[in-house]
Amino acid sequence: MIKSALRAAALTAALSAIAFAAQAKNPMVGGAAMYANRNIVENAVNSKDHTTLVAAVKAAGLVGTLEGKGPFTVFAPTNEAFAALPKGTVDTLLKPENKDKLVKILTCHVVAADALSKTVARMIKEDGGEHDIKTVGGCVLKAKESMGKITLTDENGGVAHVTIADVKQSNGVIHVVDEVLLPRM
């Protein structure tokens, strides 16, 4: 009886260690574990730093797309990034009559590829220090690398820094950014 209990406890501890090790391969985002076997939406809804992004994705009707097969690379702005936009911008964008504009902005954060930071860094180097990234929304982001960190410049000159890179998803990868990337409108 005692040996069985000890074996069960050891098995439980081993499984917990395995689960932790699997989770440890992906960074925490917004205080939540990000699981490589979940899709972009399934992970994003758990990040307390991405509630505005999730609300915007829902308002834009993009949940089904970002739950899809992919692969996608998403440059995911934090709540702070959205809050830095001019006062009232987010509330205005979330209104049904502004859905097309919201879709345009959000899809300018999405690339139809699975691009880890080392891949982006290699392309930047191969292109002489700057690489154009074409997004699903038709925007062109200028990627640069400085001191091992990737920055993205939008079509208006706004610069976003990748603060957490390579958050693997079942249908791509997320890179957390500190600014909302805006298309030229």
N, C-alpha and C. Protein backbone atom coordinates (compact mmCIF):
# COMPACT_ATOMS: atom_id res chain seq x y z
N MET A 1 0.82 -1.19 0.00
CA MET A 1 0.00 0.00 0.00
C MET A 1 0.87 1.26 0.00
N ILE A 2 1.87 1.30 0.87
CA ILE A 2 2.75 2.47 0.94
C ILE A 2 3.57 2.59 -0.34
N LYS A 3 4.06 1.42 -0.85
CA LYS A 3 4.83 1.45 -2.09
C LYS A 3 3.99 1.97 -3.24
N SER A 4 2.71 1.58 -3.30
CA SER A 4 1.82 2.06 -4.36
C SER A 4 1.62 3.56 -4.27
N ALA A 5 1.45 4.06 -3.06
CA ALA A 5 1.27 5.50 -2.85
C ALA A 5 2.53 6.26 -3.25
N LEU A 6 3.69 5.69 -2.89
CA LEU A 6 4.94 6.34 -3.25
C LEU A 6 5.14 6.35 -4.77
N ARG A 7 4.80 5.23 -5.43
CA ARG A 7 4.91 5.17 -6.89
C ARG A 7 3.97 6.17 -7.54
N ALA A 8 2.74 6.26 -7.02
CA ALA A 8 1.77 7.21 -7.57
C ALA A 8 2.26 8.64 -7.39
N ALA A 9 2.83 8.94 -6.22
CA ALA A 9 3.36 10.28 -5.96
C ALA A 9 4.53 10.58 -6.89
N ALA A 10 5.40 9.58 -7.06
CA ALA A 10 6.56 9.77 -7.96
C ALA A 10 6.10 9.98 -9.40
N LEU A 11 5.09 9.21 -9.82
CA LEU A 11 4.56 9.36 -11.18
C LEU A 11 3.94 10.74 -11.37
N THR A 12 3.18 11.20 -10.38
CA THR A 12 2.57 12.52 -10.45
C THR A 12 3.65 13.60 -10.52
N ALA A 13 4.70 13.47 -9.72
CA ALA A 13 5.79 14.45 -9.74
C ALA A 13 6.50 14.43 -11.09
N ALA A 14 6.71 13.24 -11.64
CA ALA A 14 7.37 13.13 -12.95
C ALA A 14 6.53 13.77 -14.04
N LEU A 15 5.22 13.50 -14.03
CA LEU A 15 4.34 14.09 -15.03
C LEU A 15 4.30 15.61 -14.90
N SER A 16 4.29 16.11 -13.67
CA SER A 16 4.31 17.56 -13.45
C SER A 16 5.59 18.16 -13.99
N ALA A 17 6.72 17.48 -13.77
CA ALA A 17 8.01 17.97 -14.27
C ALA A 17 8.03 17.99 -15.79
N ILE A 18 7.46 16.94 -16.41
CA ILE A 18 7.40 16.89 -17.87
C ILE A 18 6.52 18.01 -18.40
N ALA A 19 5.37 18.22 -17.78
CA ALA A 19 4.46 19.29 -18.21
C ALA A 19 5.13 20.65 -18.05
N PHE A 20 5.85 20.85 -16.94
CA PHE A 20 6.54 22.12 -16.73
C PHE A 20 7.63 22.32 -17.77
N ALA A 21 8.39 21.25 -18.06
CA ALA A 21 9.46 21.34 -19.06
C ALA A 21 8.89 21.68 -20.42
N ALA A 22 7.76 21.07 -20.78
CA ALA A 22 7.12 21.37 -22.07
C ALA A 22 6.67 22.82 -22.12
N GLN A 23 6.13 23.29 -21.00
CA GLN A 23 5.66 24.67 -20.94
C GLN A 23 6.84 25.64 -20.94
N ALA A 24 7.95 25.27 -20.30
CA ALA A 24 9.09 26.16 -20.16
C ALA A 24 9.73 26.49 -21.51
N LYS A 25 9.48 25.69 -22.52
CA LYS A 25 10.06 25.95 -23.84
C LYS A 25 9.47 27.19 -24.47
N ASN A 26 8.28 27.58 -24.09
CA ASN A 26 7.61 28.75 -24.62
C ASN A 26 7.58 29.81 -23.52
N PRO A 27 7.84 31.07 -23.84
CA PRO A 27 7.80 32.10 -22.80
C PRO A 27 6.39 32.35 -22.30
N MET A 28 6.32 32.83 -21.06
CA MET A 28 5.04 33.27 -20.49
C MET A 28 4.71 34.61 -21.15
N VAL A 29 3.43 34.85 -21.40
CA VAL A 29 2.98 36.11 -21.97
C VAL A 29 1.79 36.59 -21.17
N GLY A 30 1.88 37.80 -20.67
CA GLY A 30 0.78 38.35 -19.89
C GLY A 30 0.43 37.52 -18.69
N GLY A 31 1.45 36.91 -18.07
CA GLY A 31 1.24 36.10 -16.89
C GLY A 31 0.66 34.72 -17.15
N ALA A 32 0.53 34.35 -18.41
CA ALA A 32 -0.07 33.07 -18.76
C ALA A 32 0.90 32.20 -19.55
N ALA A 33 0.80 30.91 -19.30
CA ALA A 33 1.59 29.96 -20.09
C ALA A 33 1.06 29.96 -21.52
N MET A 34 1.96 29.89 -22.45
CA MET A 34 1.61 29.79 -23.86
C MET A 34 1.99 28.38 -24.31
N TYR A 35 1.04 27.67 -24.87
CA TYR A 35 1.26 26.28 -25.24
C TYR A 35 1.39 26.15 -26.75
N ALA A 36 2.45 25.49 -27.17
CA ALA A 36 2.74 25.31 -28.59
C ALA A 36 1.69 24.44 -29.28
N ASN A 37 0.92 23.69 -28.52
CA ASN A 37 -0.11 22.84 -29.13
C ASN A 37 -1.47 23.53 -29.20
N ARG A 38 -1.54 24.80 -28.83
CA ARG A 38 -2.77 25.59 -28.95
C ARG A 38 -2.57 26.64 -30.04
N ASN A 39 -3.71 27.06 -30.63
CA ASN A 39 -3.58 28.05 -31.71
C ASN A 39 -3.47 29.46 -31.14
N ILE A 40 -3.28 30.41 -32.02
CA ILE A 40 -3.04 31.80 -31.65
C ILE A 40 -4.15 32.35 -30.76
N VAL A 41 -5.38 32.12 -31.12
CA VAL A 41 -6.50 32.65 -30.33
C VAL A 41 -6.59 31.95 -28.97
N GLU A 42 -6.45 30.63 -28.96
CA GLU A 42 -6.53 29.88 -27.70
C GLU A 42 -5.49 30.37 -26.69
N ASN A 43 -4.31 30.75 -27.15
CA ASN A 43 -3.29 31.27 -26.24
C ASN A 43 -3.53 32.74 -25.90
N ALA A 44 -3.86 33.54 -26.88
CA ALA A 44 -4.00 35.00 -26.66
C ALA A 44 -5.07 35.33 -25.62
N VAL A 45 -6.15 34.56 -25.60
CA VAL A 45 -7.24 34.87 -24.66
C VAL A 45 -6.79 34.72 -23.21
N ASN A 46 -5.69 34.03 -22.95
CA ASN A 46 -5.20 33.83 -21.60
C ASN A 46 -4.20 34.90 -21.15
N SER A 47 -3.75 35.74 -22.06
CA SER A 47 -2.77 36.77 -21.73
C SER A 47 -3.47 38.02 -21.22
N LYS A 48 -3.18 38.40 -19.97
CA LYS A 48 -3.78 39.63 -19.43
C LYS A 48 -3.24 40.88 -20.12
N ASP A 49 -2.15 40.74 -20.85
CA ASP A 49 -1.58 41.88 -21.58
C ASP A 49 -2.17 42.07 -22.98
N HIS A 50 -3.07 41.17 -23.38
CA HIS A 50 -3.60 41.22 -24.75
C HIS A 50 -5.13 41.23 -24.81
N THR A 51 -5.77 41.73 -23.77
CA THR A 51 -7.24 41.76 -23.76
C THR A 51 -7.79 42.70 -24.83
N THR A 52 -7.12 43.81 -25.07
CA THR A 52 -7.58 44.74 -26.10
C THR A 52 -7.42 44.11 -27.48
N LEU A 53 -6.30 43.45 -27.72
CA LEU A 53 -6.08 42.77 -29.00
C LEU A 53 -7.14 41.70 -29.22
N VAL A 54 -7.45 40.91 -28.21
CA VAL A 54 -8.46 39.86 -28.35
C VAL A 54 -9.82 40.48 -28.65
N ALA A 55 -10.18 41.56 -27.95
CA ALA A 55 -11.45 42.25 -28.22
C ALA A 55 -11.49 42.77 -29.65
N ALA A 56 -10.37 43.29 -30.12
CA ALA A 56 -10.30 43.82 -31.49
C ALA A 56 -10.43 42.70 -32.52
N VAL A 57 -9.76 41.57 -32.27
CA VAL A 57 -9.85 40.43 -33.18
C VAL A 57 -11.29 39.93 -33.26
N LYS A 58 -11.97 39.90 -32.13
CA LYS A 58 -13.38 39.48 -32.12
C LYS A 58 -14.25 40.48 -32.88
N ALA A 59 -14.06 41.78 -32.62
CA ALA A 59 -14.86 42.82 -33.28
C ALA A 59 -14.62 42.82 -34.79
N ALA A 60 -13.41 42.46 -35.21
CA ALA A 60 -13.08 42.45 -36.63
C ALA A 60 -13.51 41.16 -37.33
N GLY A 61 -13.99 40.19 -36.55
CA GLY A 61 -14.41 38.92 -37.13
C GLY A 61 -13.25 38.06 -37.61
N LEU A 62 -12.09 38.20 -36.96
CA LEU A 62 -10.90 37.47 -37.38
C LEU A 62 -10.57 36.25 -36.53
N VAL A 63 -11.44 35.92 -35.58
CA VAL A 63 -11.18 34.77 -34.71
C VAL A 63 -11.02 33.50 -35.53
N GLY A 64 -11.96 33.23 -36.42
CA GLY A 64 -11.91 32.02 -37.24
C GLY A 64 -10.64 31.92 -38.06
N THR A 65 -10.20 33.05 -38.59
CA THR A 65 -8.97 33.07 -39.39
C THR A 65 -7.77 32.70 -38.53
N LEU A 66 -7.64 33.35 -37.37
CA LEU A 66 -6.47 33.12 -36.52
C LEU A 66 -6.54 31.80 -35.76
N GLU A 67 -7.68 31.14 -35.81
CA GLU A 67 -7.78 29.77 -35.29
C GLU A 67 -7.48 28.76 -36.39
N GLY A 68 -7.38 29.25 -37.63
CA GLY A 68 -7.18 28.39 -38.79
C GLY A 68 -5.79 27.77 -38.85
N LYS A 69 -5.60 27.01 -39.90
CA LYS A 69 -4.39 26.21 -40.06
C LYS A 69 -3.11 27.06 -40.12
N GLY A 70 -3.16 28.21 -40.77
CA GLY A 70 -1.96 29.02 -40.89
C GLY A 70 -1.02 28.45 -41.93
N PRO A 71 0.25 28.67 -41.79
CA PRO A 71 0.91 29.29 -40.64
C PRO A 71 0.81 30.81 -40.67
N PHE A 72 0.82 31.38 -39.46
CA PHE A 72 0.77 32.82 -39.30
C PHE A 72 1.89 33.27 -38.37
N THR A 73 2.39 34.45 -38.63
CA THR A 73 3.22 35.15 -37.66
C THR A 73 2.42 36.38 -37.28
N VAL A 74 2.19 36.56 -35.98
CA VAL A 74 1.43 37.70 -35.49
C VAL A 74 2.33 38.56 -34.63
N PHE A 75 2.42 39.84 -34.99
CA PHE A 75 3.09 40.83 -34.16
C PHE A 75 1.99 41.38 -33.26
N ALA A 76 1.97 40.92 -32.01
CA ALA A 76 0.84 41.14 -31.10
C ALA A 76 1.06 42.34 -30.18
N PRO A 77 0.38 43.46 -30.45
CA PRO A 77 0.52 44.63 -29.58
C PRO A 77 -0.12 44.38 -28.21
N THR A 78 0.51 44.92 -27.19
CA THR A 78 0.00 44.80 -25.83
C THR A 78 -1.11 45.81 -25.59
N ASN A 79 -1.79 45.65 -24.45
CA ASN A 79 -2.80 46.63 -24.04
C ASN A 79 -2.18 48.03 -23.95
N GLU A 80 -0.95 48.11 -23.42
CA GLU A 80 -0.26 49.41 -23.32
C GLU A 80 -0.04 50.04 -24.69
N ALA A 81 0.25 49.20 -25.68
CA ALA A 81 0.44 49.72 -27.04
C ALA A 81 -0.85 50.33 -27.56
N PHE A 82 -1.97 49.65 -27.34
CA PHE A 82 -3.26 50.21 -27.76
C PHE A 82 -3.59 51.47 -26.98
N ALA A 83 -3.26 51.48 -25.68
CA ALA A 83 -3.56 52.64 -24.84
C ALA A 83 -2.75 53.86 -25.26
N ALA A 84 -1.62 53.66 -25.93
CA ALA A 84 -0.77 54.77 -26.37
C ALA A 84 -1.32 55.47 -27.62
N LEU A 85 -2.30 54.85 -28.27
CA LEU A 85 -2.94 55.51 -29.42
C LEU A 85 -3.70 56.73 -28.92
N PRO A 86 -3.97 57.69 -29.79
CA PRO A 86 -4.72 58.87 -29.35
C PRO A 86 -6.03 58.48 -28.64
N LYS A 87 -6.37 59.25 -27.65
CA LYS A 87 -7.55 58.98 -26.83
C LYS A 87 -8.80 58.76 -27.70
N GLY A 88 -9.52 57.69 -27.40
CA GLY A 88 -10.76 57.37 -28.11
C GLY A 88 -10.56 56.51 -29.35
N THR A 89 -9.32 56.30 -29.78
CA THR A 89 -9.07 55.55 -31.01
C THR A 89 -9.58 54.12 -30.93
N VAL A 90 -9.25 53.43 -29.85
CA VAL A 90 -9.66 52.03 -29.72
C VAL A 90 -11.18 51.92 -29.68
N ASP A 91 -11.83 52.76 -28.88
CA ASP A 91 -13.30 52.72 -28.80
C ASP A 91 -13.93 52.96 -30.17
N THR A 92 -13.37 53.89 -30.92
CA THR A 92 -13.88 54.19 -32.25
C THR A 92 -13.68 53.00 -33.19
N LEU A 93 -12.49 52.39 -33.14
CA LEU A 93 -12.21 51.24 -34.02
C LEU A 93 -13.09 50.03 -33.72
N LEU A 94 -13.50 49.88 -32.47
CA LEU A 94 -14.31 48.72 -32.09
C LEU A 94 -15.78 48.85 -32.49
N LYS A 95 -16.19 50.01 -32.99
CA LYS A 95 -17.56 50.21 -33.44
C LYS A 95 -17.79 49.46 -34.75
N PRO A 96 -18.96 48.84 -34.92
CA PRO A 96 -19.24 48.06 -36.14
C PRO A 96 -19.02 48.83 -37.44
N GLU A 97 -19.31 50.12 -37.45
CA GLU A 97 -19.15 50.89 -38.68
C GLU A 97 -17.68 51.09 -39.07
N ASN A 98 -16.74 50.77 -38.16
CA ASN A 98 -15.31 50.90 -38.45
C ASN A 98 -14.61 49.56 -38.61
N LYS A 99 -15.40 48.52 -38.84
CA LYS A 99 -14.84 47.17 -38.95
C LYS A 99 -13.78 47.06 -40.04
N ASP A 100 -14.01 47.63 -41.21
CA ASP A 100 -13.03 47.54 -42.30
C ASP A 100 -11.69 48.15 -41.91
N LYS A 101 -11.73 49.28 -41.26
CA LYS A 101 -10.49 49.94 -40.81
C LYS A 101 -9.79 49.08 -39.76
N LEU A 102 -10.56 48.52 -38.83
CA LEU A 102 -9.99 47.65 -37.80
C LEU A 102 -9.35 46.41 -38.41
N VAL A 103 -10.03 45.81 -39.37
CA VAL A 103 -9.48 44.64 -40.06
C VAL A 103 -8.16 45.00 -40.73
N LYS A 104 -8.12 46.15 -41.39
CA LYS A 104 -6.89 46.59 -42.06
C LYS A 104 -5.74 46.74 -41.06
N ILE A 105 -6.01 47.37 -39.94
CA ILE A 105 -4.97 47.56 -38.92
C ILE A 105 -4.50 46.21 -38.38
N LEU A 106 -5.44 45.36 -38.02
CA LEU A 106 -5.05 44.07 -37.44
C LEU A 106 -4.31 43.18 -38.42
N THR A 107 -4.75 43.16 -39.67
CA THR A 107 -4.08 42.29 -40.65
C THR A 107 -2.72 42.84 -41.05
N CYS A 108 -2.44 44.08 -40.70
CA CYS A 108 -1.09 44.62 -40.90
C CYS A 108 -0.14 44.16 -39.80
N HIS A 109 -0.63 43.34 -38.89
CA HIS A 109 0.19 42.72 -37.85
C HIS A 109 0.37 41.22 -38.11
N VAL A 110 -0.13 40.73 -39.26
CA VAL A 110 -0.13 39.30 -39.53
C VAL A 110 0.62 39.02 -40.83
N VAL A 111 1.47 38.00 -40.78
CA VAL A 111 2.22 37.55 -41.94
C VAL A 111 1.82 36.10 -42.20
N ALA A 112 1.64 35.75 -43.46
CA ALA A 112 1.23 34.38 -43.82
C ALA A 112 2.46 33.48 -43.91
N ALA A 113 3.12 33.30 -42.77
CA ALA A 113 4.31 32.45 -42.68
C ALA A 113 4.59 32.20 -41.20
N ASP A 114 5.41 31.22 -40.94
CA ASP A 114 5.84 30.92 -39.58
C ASP A 114 7.27 31.43 -39.46
N ALA A 115 7.43 32.69 -39.05
CA ALA A 115 8.74 33.34 -39.05
C ALA A 115 9.26 33.55 -37.63
N LEU A 116 10.14 32.67 -37.21
CA LEU A 116 10.80 32.83 -35.92
C LEU A 116 11.80 33.99 -36.02
N SER A 117 12.19 34.54 -34.89
CA SER A 117 13.07 35.71 -34.89
C SER A 117 14.40 35.43 -35.58
N LYS A 118 14.92 34.22 -35.46
CA LYS A 118 16.20 33.94 -36.12
C LYS A 118 16.05 33.98 -37.65
N THR A 119 14.88 33.60 -38.14
CA THR A 119 14.61 33.68 -39.59
C THR A 119 14.53 35.13 -40.03
N VAL A 120 13.82 35.95 -39.26
CA VAL A 120 13.70 37.37 -39.58
C VAL A 120 15.08 38.03 -39.51
N ALA A 121 15.86 37.70 -38.47
CA ALA A 121 17.20 38.27 -38.32
C ALA A 121 18.09 37.89 -39.51
N ARG A 122 17.98 36.65 -39.97
CA ARG A 122 18.77 36.21 -41.13
C ARG A 122 18.37 37.01 -42.38
N MET A 123 17.07 37.21 -42.59
CA MET A 123 16.62 37.98 -43.75
C MET A 123 17.09 39.43 -43.68
N ILE A 124 17.09 39.99 -42.47
CA ILE A 124 17.57 41.37 -42.28
C ILE A 124 19.05 41.43 -42.68
N LYS A 125 19.81 40.49 -42.21
CA LYS A 125 21.25 40.46 -42.52
C LYS A 125 21.48 40.28 -44.02
N GLU A 126 20.75 39.33 -44.62
CA GLU A 126 20.90 39.07 -46.05
C GLU A 126 20.53 40.28 -46.91
N ASP A 127 19.61 41.10 -46.40
CA ASP A 127 19.17 42.29 -47.14
C ASP A 127 19.95 43.55 -46.76
N GLY A 128 21.06 43.38 -46.09
CA GLY A 128 21.92 44.53 -45.79
C GLY A 128 21.49 45.37 -44.61
N GLY A 129 20.74 44.82 -43.68
CA GLY A 129 20.38 45.55 -42.46
C GLY A 129 18.92 45.95 -42.34
N GLU A 130 18.14 45.73 -43.39
CA GLU A 130 16.70 46.04 -43.33
C GLU A 130 15.98 45.09 -44.27
N HIS A 131 14.87 44.53 -43.77
CA HIS A 131 14.09 43.59 -44.59
C HIS A 131 12.64 44.03 -44.62
N ASP A 132 12.06 44.05 -45.82
CA ASP A 132 10.64 44.37 -45.97
C ASP A 132 9.80 43.12 -45.68
N ILE A 133 8.85 43.28 -44.78
CA ILE A 133 7.93 42.20 -44.44
C ILE A 133 6.55 42.58 -44.97
N LYS A 134 6.04 41.79 -45.88
CA LYS A 134 4.70 42.04 -46.44
C LYS A 134 3.67 41.32 -45.58
N THR A 135 2.65 42.07 -45.16
CA THR A 135 1.64 41.50 -44.27
C THR A 135 0.39 41.08 -45.05
N VAL A 136 -0.45 40.32 -44.38
CA VAL A 136 -1.72 39.88 -44.95
C VAL A 136 -2.59 41.08 -45.32
N GLY A 137 -2.48 42.16 -44.57
CA GLY A 137 -3.26 43.37 -44.82
C GLY A 137 -2.71 44.26 -45.92
N GLY A 138 -1.62 43.83 -46.56
CA GLY A 138 -1.05 44.61 -47.64
C GLY A 138 -0.06 45.67 -47.20
N CYS A 139 0.24 45.72 -45.93
CA CYS A 139 1.23 46.67 -45.42
C CYS A 139 2.63 46.12 -45.62
N VAL A 140 3.59 47.02 -45.66
CA VAL A 140 4.99 46.63 -45.69
C VAL A 140 5.65 47.18 -44.43
N LEU A 141 6.16 46.28 -43.61
CA LEU A 141 6.87 46.65 -42.40
C LEU A 141 8.36 46.55 -42.67
N LYS A 142 9.12 47.49 -42.17
CA LYS A 142 10.59 47.48 -42.31
C LYS A 142 11.17 46.88 -41.04
N ALA A 143 11.79 45.72 -41.17
CA ALA A 143 12.39 45.04 -40.02
C ALA A 143 13.88 45.35 -39.95
N LYS A 144 14.35 45.67 -38.75
CA LYS A 144 15.76 45.90 -38.49
C LYS A 144 16.12 45.17 -37.20
N GLU A 145 17.41 44.97 -37.01
CA GLU A 145 17.87 44.34 -35.78
C GLU A 145 18.93 45.22 -35.14
N SER A 146 18.81 45.40 -33.85
CA SER A 146 19.78 46.18 -33.10
C SER A 146 20.00 45.51 -31.75
N MET A 147 21.23 45.20 -31.45
CA MET A 147 21.59 44.56 -30.19
C MET A 147 20.75 43.31 -29.93
N GLY A 148 20.54 42.52 -30.97
CA GLY A 148 19.81 41.28 -30.83
C GLY A 148 18.30 41.41 -30.73
N LYS A 149 17.79 42.61 -30.86
CA LYS A 149 16.34 42.85 -30.80
C LYS A 149 15.83 43.30 -32.16
N ILE A 150 14.66 42.82 -32.51
CA ILE A 150 14.06 43.20 -33.80
C ILE A 150 13.10 44.36 -33.58
N THR A 151 13.18 45.34 -34.50
CA THR A 151 12.23 46.44 -34.52
C THR A 151 11.51 46.43 -35.85
N LEU A 152 10.30 46.93 -35.84
CA LEU A 152 9.47 47.01 -37.04
C LEU A 152 9.01 48.45 -37.20
N THR A 153 9.16 48.98 -38.40
CA THR A 153 8.70 50.32 -38.69
C THR A 153 7.53 50.22 -39.65
N ASP A 154 6.40 50.85 -39.26
CA ASP A 154 5.21 50.78 -40.11
C ASP A 154 5.30 51.82 -41.23
N GLU A 155 4.28 51.89 -42.05
CA GLU A 155 4.26 52.77 -43.22
C GLU A 155 4.19 54.25 -42.87
N ASN A 156 3.92 54.55 -41.60
CA ASN A 156 3.85 55.94 -41.15
C ASN A 156 5.08 56.37 -40.35
N GLY A 157 6.04 55.46 -40.22
CA GLY A 157 7.25 55.75 -39.46
C GLY A 157 7.19 55.35 -38.00
N GLY A 158 6.06 54.77 -37.57
CA GLY A 158 5.95 54.29 -36.19
C GLY A 158 6.83 53.07 -36.00
N VAL A 159 7.48 52.99 -34.84
CA VAL A 159 8.40 51.89 -34.57
C VAL A 159 7.91 51.04 -33.40
N ALA A 160 7.85 49.74 -33.64
CA ALA A 160 7.50 48.78 -32.60
C ALA A 160 8.71 47.89 -32.34
N HIS A 161 8.93 47.60 -31.07
CA HIS A 161 10.02 46.72 -30.65
C HIS A 161 9.42 45.37 -30.27
N VAL A 162 10.07 44.31 -30.72
CA VAL A 162 9.66 42.97 -30.29
C VAL A 162 10.16 42.80 -28.86
N THR A 163 9.23 42.66 -27.92
CA THR A 163 9.60 42.54 -26.50
C THR A 163 9.65 41.09 -26.04
N ILE A 164 8.86 40.24 -26.66
CA ILE A 164 8.91 38.80 -26.41
C ILE A 164 8.83 38.13 -27.78
N ALA A 165 9.87 37.39 -28.12
CA ALA A 165 9.93 36.76 -29.45
C ALA A 165 9.64 35.27 -29.34
N ASP A 166 9.24 34.72 -30.48
CA ASP A 166 9.18 33.26 -30.67
C ASP A 166 8.24 32.53 -29.72
N VAL A 167 7.02 33.03 -29.58
CA VAL A 167 6.01 32.35 -28.79
C VAL A 167 5.30 31.39 -29.76
N LYS A 168 5.71 30.14 -29.71
CA LYS A 168 5.23 29.16 -30.69
C LYS A 168 3.77 28.79 -30.45
N GLN A 169 3.04 28.64 -31.55
CA GLN A 169 1.63 28.29 -31.55
C GLN A 169 1.45 27.08 -32.47
N SER A 170 0.33 26.41 -32.38
CA SER A 170 0.10 25.26 -33.26
C SER A 170 -0.04 25.70 -34.72
N ASN A 171 -0.40 26.96 -34.94
CA ASN A 171 -0.59 27.47 -36.30
C ASN A 171 0.33 28.65 -36.62
N GLY A 172 1.45 28.73 -35.94
CA GLY A 172 2.41 29.78 -36.25
C GLY A 172 3.20 30.24 -35.05
N VAL A 173 3.44 31.54 -35.00
CA VAL A 173 4.25 32.12 -33.93
C VAL A 173 3.76 33.53 -33.63
N ILE A 174 3.88 33.92 -32.37
CA ILE A 174 3.56 35.28 -31.95
C ILE A 174 4.85 35.96 -31.49
N HIS A 175 4.98 37.22 -31.88
CA HIS A 175 6.03 38.09 -31.34
C HIS A 175 5.29 39.26 -30.69
N VAL A 176 5.47 39.44 -29.40
CA VAL A 176 4.82 40.54 -28.69
C VAL A 176 5.53 41.84 -29.04
N VAL A 177 4.75 42.88 -29.38
CA VAL A 177 5.32 44.19 -29.71
C VAL A 177 4.74 45.28 -28.82
N ASP A 178 5.51 46.36 -28.68
CA ASP A 178 5.13 47.42 -27.75
C ASP A 178 4.43 48.62 -28.40
N GLU A 179 4.13 48.52 -29.69
CA GLU A 179 3.41 49.59 -30.39
C GLU A 179 2.43 48.96 -31.38
N VAL A 180 1.35 49.69 -31.66
CA VAL A 180 0.42 49.26 -32.70
C VAL A 180 0.98 49.75 -34.03
N LEU A 181 1.10 48.83 -34.98
CA LEU A 181 1.62 49.16 -36.31
C LEU A 181 0.44 49.62 -37.18
N LEU A 182 0.57 50.79 -37.74
CA LEU A 182 -0.55 51.38 -38.48
C LEU A 182 -0.28 51.44 -39.98
N PRO A 183 -1.27 51.09 -40.77
CA PRO A 183 -1.12 51.19 -42.23
C PRO A 183 -1.25 52.65 -42.66
N ARG A 184 -0.75 52.92 -43.84
CA ARG A 184 -0.98 54.24 -44.43
C ARG A 184 -2.42 54.24 -44.90
N MET A 185 -3.19 55.21 -44.50
CA MET A 185 -4.61 55.22 -44.87
C MET A 185 -4.95 56.45 -45.67
